[in-house]
Structures are given as structure tokens and as C-alpha cells.
Protein backbone atom coordinates (compact mmCIF):
# COMPACT_ATOMS: atom_id res chain seq x y z
CA MET A 1 -83.15 112.93 -91.41
CA PRO A 2 -85.53 113.12 -94.30
CA THR A 3 -86.26 109.45 -94.99
CA GLU A 4 -87.95 106.72 -93.02
CA THR A 5 -84.87 104.51 -93.21
CA GLU A 6 -82.63 107.25 -91.84
CA TRP A 7 -85.06 107.96 -89.02
CA ARG A 8 -85.36 104.30 -88.05
CA THR A 9 -81.58 103.85 -88.16
CA TRP A 10 -81.06 106.91 -85.97
CA MET A 11 -83.77 105.87 -83.50
CA PHE A 12 -82.32 102.35 -83.29
CA SER A 13 -78.84 103.72 -82.53
CA VAL A 14 -80.27 105.94 -79.77
CA ALA A 15 -82.21 103.02 -78.32
CA MET A 16 -79.13 100.78 -78.39
CA ARG A 17 -77.23 103.35 -76.29
CA TRP A 18 -79.87 103.03 -73.58
CA THR A 19 -80.68 99.31 -73.75
CA HIS A 20 -77.60 97.50 -75.14
CA CYS A 21 -80.02 94.83 -76.37
CA THR A 22 -81.12 94.52 -80.00
CA ALA A 23 -84.58 93.17 -79.24
CA ASP A 24 -85.32 95.87 -76.65
CA ALA A 25 -84.02 98.59 -78.98
CA GLU A 26 -86.25 97.39 -81.81
CA ASP A 27 -89.24 97.32 -79.47
CA LEU A 28 -88.48 100.86 -78.28
CA VAL A 29 -88.35 102.16 -81.84
CA GLN A 30 -91.74 100.62 -82.60
CA GLU A 31 -93.28 101.94 -79.37
CA VAL A 32 -92.00 105.46 -79.96
CA LEU A 33 -93.20 105.48 -83.57
CA LEU A 34 -96.67 104.37 -82.48
CA ARG A 35 -96.75 106.91 -79.68
CA PHE A 36 -95.61 109.72 -81.99
CA TRP A 37 -98.24 108.85 -84.55
CA GLY A 38 -100.92 108.59 -81.85
CA VAL A 39 -100.09 111.97 -80.38
CA PHE A 40 -99.30 113.98 -83.52
CA GLY A 41 -101.10 112.08 -86.29
CA VAL A 42 -97.94 111.85 -88.40
CA LEU A 43 -94.71 109.90 -88.21
CA PRO A 44 -91.53 111.74 -87.20
CA TRP A 45 -90.13 111.93 -90.74
CA GLU A 46 -93.42 113.51 -91.88
CA HIS A 47 -93.48 116.18 -89.16
CA GLU A 48 -93.07 119.78 -90.29
CA GLN A 49 -90.34 120.39 -87.68
CA PRO A 50 -87.94 117.45 -87.92
CA LYS A 51 -85.47 118.77 -85.33
CA TRP A 52 -88.25 119.07 -82.76
CA ALA A 53 -89.53 115.59 -83.68
CA GLN A 54 -86.02 114.27 -83.14
CA ILE A 55 -85.87 115.78 -79.64
CA VAL A 56 -89.26 114.30 -78.74
CA CYS A 57 -88.29 110.84 -80.00
CA ARG A 58 -84.97 110.90 -78.15
CA ARG A 59 -86.71 111.82 -74.88
CA TRP A 60 -89.39 109.17 -75.27
CA ILE A 61 -86.77 106.50 -76.01
CA ARG A 62 -84.77 107.52 -72.94
CA PHE A 63 -87.81 107.61 -70.64
CA ARG A 64 -89.15 104.28 -71.89
CA ALA A 65 -85.71 102.63 -71.71
CA ALA A 66 -85.49 103.62 -68.04
CA GLU A 67 -88.63 101.55 -67.39
CA LEU A 68 -87.12 98.36 -68.84
């Protein structure tokens, strides 16, 4: 997933699996992107290990979706 658009599309599809609500899925994507940037100082598509970044984002989406 090399581009921002591909990352956002993938993250949105993961979030939709957990929330089934467009608005909640969009919010989750934004929250996870902000959290990733806050923790690592880069966005997921800029990270040197994209597969690892993907795993982290998937987990954060799942954990945050469980709180909704």
C-alpha cells in the first residue's frame, strides 16, 4: 500500500467491517492516523516497514471500534 489513497481506502474498509457505519468508520480512520503520527512521527504510508504499520493500524481500528 504505497500511496495515501490506498492506505485510506484500506483503513476505511477495515473500519467498516467493525462498525458498519460510514461516519464511525471515517472517524476511526482519522483517529488512527492521528494516533500513528503522534506515536511514530510519520504517517503509515511513510513508515519504513509498511507491513508492520498495517498490523498496528488494523489493531488500533479494532480496539477503538470495540469502544464505540
